[in-house]
Amino acid sequence: QNAESKMAKYMPQMQQQKQDWDLALKA
């Protein structure tokens, strides 16, 4: 939800956090 928000383009760490949790769920 945070990675798809309007603030995400100003806060690149949000996209990184989404990738981390995607990997965690796959693991």
PDB file of all heavy atoms in Angstrom:
ATOM      1  N   GLN A   1       0.832  -1.208   0.000  1.00  0.00           N
ATOM      2  CA  GLN A   1       0.000   0.000   0.000  1.00  0.00           C
ATOM      3  C   GLN A   1       0.862   1.251   0.000  1.00  0.00           C
ATOM      4  O   GLN A   1       0.597   2.210  -0.741  1.00  0.00           O
ATOM      5  CB  GLN A   1      -0.919  -0.023   1.229  1.00  0.00           C
ATOM      6  CG  GLN A   1      -1.919   1.126   1.277  1.00  0.00           C
ATOM      7  CD  GLN A   1      -2.802   1.035   2.521  1.00  0.00           C
ATOM      8  OE1 GLN A   1      -2.384   0.513   3.549  1.00  0.00           O
ATOM      9  NE2 GLN A   1      -4.013   1.550   2.420  1.00  0.00           N
ATOM     10  N   ASN A   2       1.940   1.251   0.801  1.00  0.00           N
ATOM     11  CA  ASN A   2       2.831   2.410   0.839  1.00  0.00           C
ATOM     12  C   ASN A   2       3.575   2.593  -0.477  1.00  0.00           C
ATOM     13  O   ASN A   2       3.775   3.714  -0.941  1.00  0.00           O
ATOM     14  CB  ASN A   2       3.839   2.252   1.985  1.00  0.00           C
ATOM     15  CG  ASN A   2       3.190   2.357   3.352  1.00  0.00           C
ATOM     16  OD1 ASN A   2       2.115   2.954   3.497  1.00  0.00           O
ATOM     17  ND2 ASN A   2       3.829   1.786   4.359  1.00  0.00           N
ATOM     18  N   ALA A   3       3.998   1.465  -1.095  1.00  0.00           N
ATOM     19  CA  ALA A   3       4.756   1.545  -2.346  1.00  0.00           C
ATOM     20  C   ALA A   3       3.922   2.074  -3.501  1.00  0.00           C
ATOM     21  O   ALA A   3       4.465   2.609  -4.480  1.00  0.00           O
ATOM     22  CB  ALA A   3       5.319   0.166  -2.695  1.00  0.00           C
ATOM     23  N   GLU A   4       2.604   1.927  -3.404  1.00  0.00           N
ATOM     24  CA  GLU A   4       1.706   2.393  -4.465  1.00  0.00           C
ATOM     25  C   GLU A   4       1.124   3.771  -4.171  1.00  0.00           C
ATOM     26  O   GLU A   4       0.330   4.287  -4.969  1.00  0.00           O
ATOM     27  CB  GLU A   4       0.573   1.380  -4.658  1.00  0.00           C
ATOM     28  CG  GLU A   4       1.054   0.021  -5.169  1.00  0.00           C
ATOM     29  CD  GLU A   4      -0.048  -1.018  -5.206  1.00  0.00           C
ATOM     30  OE1 GLU A   4      -1.149  -0.718  -4.667  1.00  0.00           O
ATOM     31  OE2 GLU A   4       0.184  -2.119  -5.749  1.00  0.00           O
ATOM     32  N   SER A   5       1.528   4.368  -3.058  1.00  0.00           N
ATOM     33  CA  SER A   5       1.009   5.688  -2.707  1.00  0.00           C
ATOM     34  C   SER A   5       1.745   6.786  -3.469  1.00  0.00           C
ATOM     35  O   SER A   5       2.791   6.547  -4.083  1.00  0.00           O
ATOM     36  CB  SER A   5       1.148   5.915  -1.196  1.00  0.00           C
ATOM     37  OG  SER A   5       2.519   6.009  -0.845  1.00  0.00           O
ATOM     38  N   LYS A   6       1.230   7.992  -3.414  1.00  0.00           N
ATOM     39  CA  LYS A   6       1.837   9.125  -4.114  1.00  0.00           C
ATOM     40  C   LYS A   6       3.182   9.518  -3.500  1.00  0.00           C
ATOM     41  O   LYS A   6       4.015  10.123  -4.167  1.00  0.00           O
ATOM     42  CB  LYS A   6       0.879  10.321  -4.098  1.00  0.00           C
ATOM     43  CG  LYS A   6      -0.405  10.095  -4.893  1.00  0.00           C
ATOM     44  CD  LYS A   6      -1.299  11.324  -4.855  1.00  0.00           C
ATOM     45  CE  LYS A   6      -2.571  11.090  -5.658  1.00  0.00           C
ATOM     46  NZ  LYS A   6      -3.480  12.271  -5.629  1.00  0.00           N
ATOM     47  N   MET A   7       3.366   9.177  -2.231  1.00  0.00           N
ATOM     48  CA  MET A   7       4.617   9.536  -1.555  1.00  0.00           C
ATOM     49  C   MET A   7       5.771   8.637  -1.970  1.00  0.00           C
ATOM     50  O   MET A   7       6.935   8.956  -1.721  1.00  0.00           O
ATOM     51  CB  MET A   7       4.426   9.451  -0.039  1.00  0.00           C
ATOM     52  CG  MET A   7       3.547  10.548   0.541  1.00  0.00           C
ATOM     53  SD  MET A   7       4.305  12.177   0.366  1.00  0.00           S
ATOM     54  CE  MET A   7       5.733  11.983   1.407  1.00  0.00           C
ATOM     55  N   ALA A   8       5.465   7.490  -2.592  1.00  0.00           N
ATOM     56  CA  ALA A   8       6.501   6.494  -2.877  1.00  0.00           C
ATOM     57  C   ALA A   8       7.602   7.038  -3.781  1.00  0.00           C
ATOM     58  O   ALA A   8       8.770   6.674  -3.630  1.00  0.00           O
ATOM     59  CB  ALA A   8       5.869   5.256  -3.509  1.00  0.00           C
ATOM     60  N   LYS A   9       7.245   7.917  -4.722  1.00  0.00           N
ATOM     61  CA  LYS A   9       8.270   8.424  -5.631  1.00  0.00           C
ATOM     62  C   LYS A   9       9.255   9.361  -4.932  1.00  0.00           C
ATOM     63  O   LYS A   9      10.350   9.606  -5.433  1.00  0.00           O
ATOM     64  CB  LYS A   9       7.629   9.135  -6.823  1.00  0.00           C
ATOM     65  CG  LYS A   9       6.777  10.345  -6.481  1.00  0.00           C
ATOM     66  CD  LYS A   9       6.180  10.939  -7.756  1.00  0.00           C
ATOM     67  CE  LYS A   9       5.290  12.142  -7.464  1.00  0.00           C
ATOM     68  NZ  LYS A   9       4.697  12.692  -8.705  1.00  0.00           N
ATOM     69  N   TYR A  10       8.879   9.894  -3.782  1.00  0.00           N
ATOM     70  CA  TYR A  10       9.788  10.735  -3.000  1.00  0.00           C
ATOM     71  C   TYR A  10      10.533   9.927  -1.930  1.00  0.00           C
ATOM     72  O   TYR A  10      11.486  10.428  -1.336  1.00  0.00           O
ATOM     73  CB  TYR A  10       9.009  11.862  -2.326  1.00  0.00           C
ATOM     74  CG  TYR A  10       8.233  12.727  -3.286  1.00  0.00           C
ATOM     75  CD1 TYR A  10       6.840  12.661  -3.329  1.00  0.00           C
ATOM     76  CD2 TYR A  10       8.875  13.600  -4.158  1.00  0.00           C
ATOM     77  CE1 TYR A  10       6.120  13.444  -4.210  1.00  0.00           C
ATOM     78  CE2 TYR A  10       8.155  14.392  -5.047  1.00  0.00           C
ATOM     79  CZ  TYR A  10       6.784  14.303  -5.067  1.00  0.00           C
ATOM     80  OH  TYR A  10       6.066  15.082  -5.952  1.00  0.00           O
ATOM     81  N   MET A  11      10.066   8.703  -1.670  1.00  0.00           N
ATOM     82  CA  MET A  11      10.669   7.857  -0.629  1.00  0.00           C
ATOM     83  C   MET A  11      10.952   6.478  -1.216  1.00  0.00           C
ATOM     84  O   MET A  11      10.147   5.544  -1.083  1.00  0.00           O
ATOM     85  CB  MET A  11       9.737   7.749   0.592  1.00  0.00           C
ATOM     86  CG  MET A  11       9.384   9.093   1.200  1.00  0.00           C
ATOM     87  SD  MET A  11       8.237   8.963   2.592  1.00  0.00           S
ATOM     88  CE  MET A  11       9.295   8.198   3.825  1.00  0.00           C
ATOM     89  N   PRO A  12      12.079   6.333  -1.908  1.00  0.00           N
ATOM     90  CA  PRO A  12      12.386   5.066  -2.591  1.00  0.00           C
ATOM     91  C   PRO A  12      12.503   3.865  -1.654  1.00  0.00           C
ATOM     92  O   PRO A  12      12.378   2.729  -2.098  1.00  0.00           O
ATOM     93  CB  PRO A  12      13.720   5.356  -3.288  1.00  0.00           C
ATOM     94  CG  PRO A  12      14.288   6.560  -2.595  1.00  0.00           C
ATOM     95  CD  PRO A  12      13.113   7.356  -2.134  1.00  0.00           C
ATOM     96  N   GLN A  13      12.729   4.109  -0.361  1.00  0.00           N
ATOM     97  CA  GLN A  13      12.839   2.985   0.563  1.00  0.00           C
ATOM     98  C   GLN A  13      11.524   2.217   0.694  1.00  0.00           C
ATOM     99  O   GLN A  13      11.513   1.048   1.095  1.00  0.00           O
ATOM    100  CB  GLN A  13      13.321   3.447   1.943  1.00  0.00           C
ATOM    101  CG  GLN A  13      12.364   4.322   2.710  1.00  0.00           C
ATOM    102  CD  GLN A  13      12.619   5.798   2.446  1.00  0.00           C
ATOM    103  OE1 GLN A  13      13.111   6.158   1.384  1.00  0.00           O
ATOM    104  NE2 GLN A  13      12.280   6.630   3.411  1.00  0.00           N
ATOM    105  N   MET A  14      10.397   2.875   0.357  1.00  0.00           N
ATOM    106  CA  MET A  14       9.109   2.175   0.420  1.00  0.00           C
ATOM    107  C   MET A  14       9.070   1.017  -0.571  1.00  0.00           C
ATOM    108  O   MET A  14       8.530  -0.050  -0.280  1.00  0.00           O
ATOM    109  CB  MET A  14       7.968   3.157   0.141  1.00  0.00           C
ATOM    110  CG  MET A  14       7.692   4.142   1.246  1.00  0.00           C
ATOM    111  SD  MET A  14       6.270   5.189   0.879  1.00  0.00           S
ATOM    112  CE  MET A  14       6.110   6.095   2.420  1.00  0.00           C
ATOM    113  N   GLN A  15       9.620   1.228  -1.762  1.00  0.00           N
ATOM    114  CA  GLN A  15       9.659   0.172  -2.771  1.00  0.00           C
ATOM    115  C   GLN A  15      10.573  -0.972  -2.312  1.00  0.00           C
ATOM    116  O   GLN A  15      10.274  -2.145  -2.519  1.00  0.00           O
ATOM    117  CB  GLN A  15      10.172   0.747  -4.093  1.00  0.00           C
ATOM    118  CG  GLN A  15       9.886  -0.127  -5.301  1.00  0.00           C
ATOM    119  CD  GLN A  15       8.400  -0.310  -5.563  1.00  0.00           C
ATOM    120  OE1 GLN A  15       7.921  -1.446  -5.566  1.00  0.00           O
ATOM    121  NE2 GLN A  15       7.684   0.771  -5.758  1.00  0.00           N
ATOM    122  N   GLN A  16      11.683  -0.602  -1.660  1.00  0.00           N
ATOM    123  CA  GLN A  16      12.608  -1.611  -1.152  1.00  0.00           C
ATOM    124  C   GLN A  16      11.956  -2.446  -0.056  1.00  0.00           C
ATOM    125  O   GLN A  16      12.132  -3.667   0.002  1.00  0.00           O
ATOM    126  CB  GLN A  16      13.871  -0.928  -0.612  1.00  0.00           C
ATOM    127  CG  GLN A  16      14.950  -1.889  -0.136  1.00  0.00           C
ATOM    128  CD  GLN A  16      15.494  -2.751  -1.264  1.00  0.00           C
ATOM    129  OE1 GLN A  16      15.962  -2.236  -2.268  1.00  0.00           O
ATOM    130  NE2 GLN A  16      15.418  -4.066  -1.102  1.00  0.00           N
ATOM    131  N   GLN A  17      11.183  -1.802   0.817  1.00  0.00           N
ATOM    132  CA  GLN A  17      10.497  -2.526   1.883  1.00  0.00           C
ATOM    133  C   GLN A  17       9.484  -3.510   1.301  1.00  0.00           C
ATOM    134  O   GLN A  17       9.339  -4.632   1.803  1.00  0.00           O
ATOM    135  CB  GLN A  17       9.812  -1.538   2.823  1.00  0.00           C
ATOM    136  CG  GLN A  17      10.777  -0.747   3.690  1.00  0.00           C
ATOM    137  CD  GLN A  17      10.085   0.322   4.518  1.00  0.00           C
ATOM    138  OE1 GLN A  17       8.875   0.546   4.384  1.00  0.00           O
ATOM    139  NE2 GLN A  17      10.847   1.004   5.359  1.00  0.00           N
ATOM    140  N   LYS A  18       8.789  -3.096   0.237  1.00  0.00           N
ATOM    141  CA  LYS A  18       7.836  -4.006  -0.417  1.00  0.00           C
ATOM    142  C   LYS A  18       8.556  -5.223  -0.985  1.00  0.00           C
ATOM    143  O   LYS A  18       8.098  -6.363  -0.812  1.00  0.00           O
ATOM    144  CB  LYS A  18       7.087  -3.288  -1.538  1.00  0.00           C
ATOM    145  CG  LYS A  18       6.103  -4.187  -2.303  1.00  0.00           C
ATOM    146  CD  LYS A  18       5.489  -3.488  -3.475  1.00  0.00           C
ATOM    147  CE  LYS A  18       4.505  -4.403  -4.206  1.00  0.00           C
ATOM    148  NZ  LYS A  18       5.106  -5.667  -4.658  1.00  0.00           N
ATOM    149  N   GLN A  19       9.696  -5.007  -1.627  1.00  0.00           N
ATOM    150  CA  GLN A  19      10.460  -6.120  -2.183  1.00  0.00           C
ATOM    151  C   GLN A  19      10.930  -7.067  -1.083  1.00  0.00           C
ATOM    152  O   GLN A  19      10.901  -8.298  -1.243  1.00  0.00           O
ATOM    153  CB  GLN A  19      11.650  -5.591  -2.976  1.00  0.00           C
ATOM    154  CG  GLN A  19      11.270  -4.819  -4.234  1.00  0.00           C
ATOM    155  CD  GLN A  19      12.479  -4.197  -4.924  1.00  0.00           C
ATOM    156  OE1 GLN A  19      13.625  -4.414  -4.519  1.00  0.00           O
ATOM    157  NE2 GLN A  19      12.228  -3.403  -5.955  1.00  0.00           N
ATOM    158  N   ASP A  20      11.351  -6.490   0.063  1.00  0.00           N
ATOM    159  CA  ASP A  20      11.816  -7.320   1.184  1.00  0.00           C
ATOM    160  C   ASP A  20      10.698  -8.220   1.698  1.00  0.00           C
ATOM    161  O   ASP A  20      10.908  -9.420   1.947  1.00  0.00           O
ATOM    162  CB  ASP A  20      12.348  -6.440   2.315  1.00  0.00           C
ATOM    163  CG  ASP A  20      13.693  -5.814   1.983  1.00  0.00           C
ATOM    164  OD1 ASP A  20      14.334  -6.263   1.017  1.00  0.00           O
ATOM    165  OD2 ASP A  20      14.105  -4.867   2.687  1.00  0.00           O
ATOM    166  N   TRP A  21       9.495  -7.662   1.862  1.00  0.00           N
ATOM    167  CA  TRP A  21       8.391  -8.452   2.398  1.00  0.00           C
ATOM    168  C   TRP A  21       7.843  -9.426   1.366  1.00  0.00           C
ATOM    169  O   TRP A  21       7.348 -10.504   1.729  1.00  0.00           O
ATOM    170  CB  TRP A  21       7.294  -7.543   2.948  1.00  0.00           C
ATOM    171  CG  TRP A  21       7.694  -6.956   4.266  1.00  0.00           C
ATOM    172  CD1 TRP A  21       8.022  -5.666   4.537  1.00  0.00           C
ATOM    173  CD2 TRP A  21       7.847  -7.664   5.497  1.00  0.00           C
ATOM    174  NE1 TRP A  21       8.376  -5.526   5.858  1.00  0.00           N
ATOM    175  CE2 TRP A  21       8.272  -6.729   6.473  1.00  0.00           C
ATOM    176  CE3 TRP A  21       7.668  -8.991   5.876  1.00  0.00           C
ATOM    177  CZ2 TRP A  21       8.520  -7.098   7.792  1.00  0.00           C
ATOM    178  CZ3 TRP A  21       7.915  -9.358   7.195  1.00  0.00           C
ATOM    179  CH2 TRP A  21       8.330  -8.410   8.139  1.00  0.00           C
ATOM    180  N   ASP A  22       7.941  -9.085   0.081  1.00  0.00           N
ATOM    181  CA  ASP A  22       7.585 -10.058  -0.964  1.00  0.00           C
ATOM    182  C   ASP A  22       8.501 -11.276  -0.883  1.00  0.00           C
ATOM    183  O   ASP A  22       8.056 -12.430  -0.941  1.00  0.00           O
ATOM    184  CB  ASP A  22       7.702  -9.415  -2.354  1.00  0.00           C
ATOM    185  CG  ASP A  22       6.577  -8.413  -2.639  1.00  0.00           C
ATOM    186  OD1 ASP A  22       5.570  -8.441  -1.896  1.00  0.00           O
ATOM    187  OD2 ASP A  22       6.720  -7.608  -3.576  1.00  0.00           O
ATOM    188  N   LEU A  23       9.814 -11.017  -0.733  1.00  0.00           N
ATOM    189  CA  LEU A  23      10.783 -12.116  -0.613  1.00  0.00           C
ATOM    190  C   LEU A  23      10.544 -12.925   0.659  1.00  0.00           C
ATOM    191  O   LEU A  23      10.689 -14.155   0.659  1.00  0.00           O
ATOM    192  CB  LEU A  23      12.208 -11.550  -0.616  1.00  0.00           C
ATOM    193  CG  LEU A  23      12.708 -10.980  -1.948  1.00  0.00           C
ATOM    194  CD1 LEU A  23      14.061 -10.287  -1.756  1.00  0.00           C
ATOM    195  CD2 LEU A  23      12.828 -12.087  -2.982  1.00  0.00           C
ATOM    196  N   ALA A  24      10.174 -12.230   1.748  1.00  0.00           N
ATOM    197  CA  ALA A  24       9.928 -12.922   3.015  1.00  0.00           C
ATOM    198  C   ALA A  24       8.755 -13.889   2.884  1.00  0.00           C
ATOM    199  O   ALA A  24       8.826 -15.038   3.349  1.00  0.00           O
ATOM    200  CB  ALA A  24       9.671 -11.909   4.125  1.00  0.00           C
ATOM    201  N   LEU A  25       7.683 -13.451   2.242  1.00  0.00           N
ATOM    202  CA  LEU A  25       6.517 -14.323   2.079  1.00  0.00           C
ATOM    203  C   LEU A  25       6.845 -15.527   1.197  1.00  0.00           C
ATOM    204  O   LEU A  25       6.409 -16.650   1.467  1.00  0.00           O
ATOM    205  CB  LEU A  25       5.353 -13.533   1.477  1.00  0.00           C
ATOM    206  CG  LEU A  25       4.524 -12.697   2.457  1.00  0.00           C
ATOM    207  CD1 LEU A  25       3.399 -11.974   1.736  1.00  0.00           C
ATOM    208  CD2 LEU A  25       3.936 -13.588   3.561  1.00  0.00           C
ATOM    209  N   LYS A  26       7.623 -15.304   0.139  1.00  0.00           N
ATOM    210  CA  LYS A  26       8.025 -16.421  -0.723  1.00  0.00           C
ATOM    211  C   LYS A  26       8.873 -17.433   0.062  1.00  0.00           C
ATOM    212  O   LYS A  26       8.726 -18.648  -0.104  1.00  0.00           O
ATOM    213  CB  LYS A  26       8.800 -15.908  -1.928  1.00  0.00           C
ATOM    214  CG  LYS A  26       7.949 -15.131  -2.934  1.00  0.00           C
ATOM    215  CD  LYS A  26       8.791 -14.627  -4.102  1.00  0.00           C
ATOM    216  CE  LYS A  26       7.934 -13.839  -5.090  1.00  0.00           C
ATOM    217  NZ  LYS A  26       8.746 -13.294  -6.213  1.00  0.00           N
ATOM    218  N   ALA A  27       9.763 -16.913   0.910  1.00  0.00           N
ATOM    219  CA  ALA A  27      10.608 -17.795   1.715  1.00  0.00           C
ATOM    220  C   ALA A  27       9.769 -18.595   2.706  1.00  0.00           C
ATOM    221  O   ALA A  27      10.020 -19.783   2.934  1.00  0.00           O
ATOM    222  CB  ALA A  27      11.667 -16.978   2.445  1.00  0.00           C
TER     223      ALA A  27
END
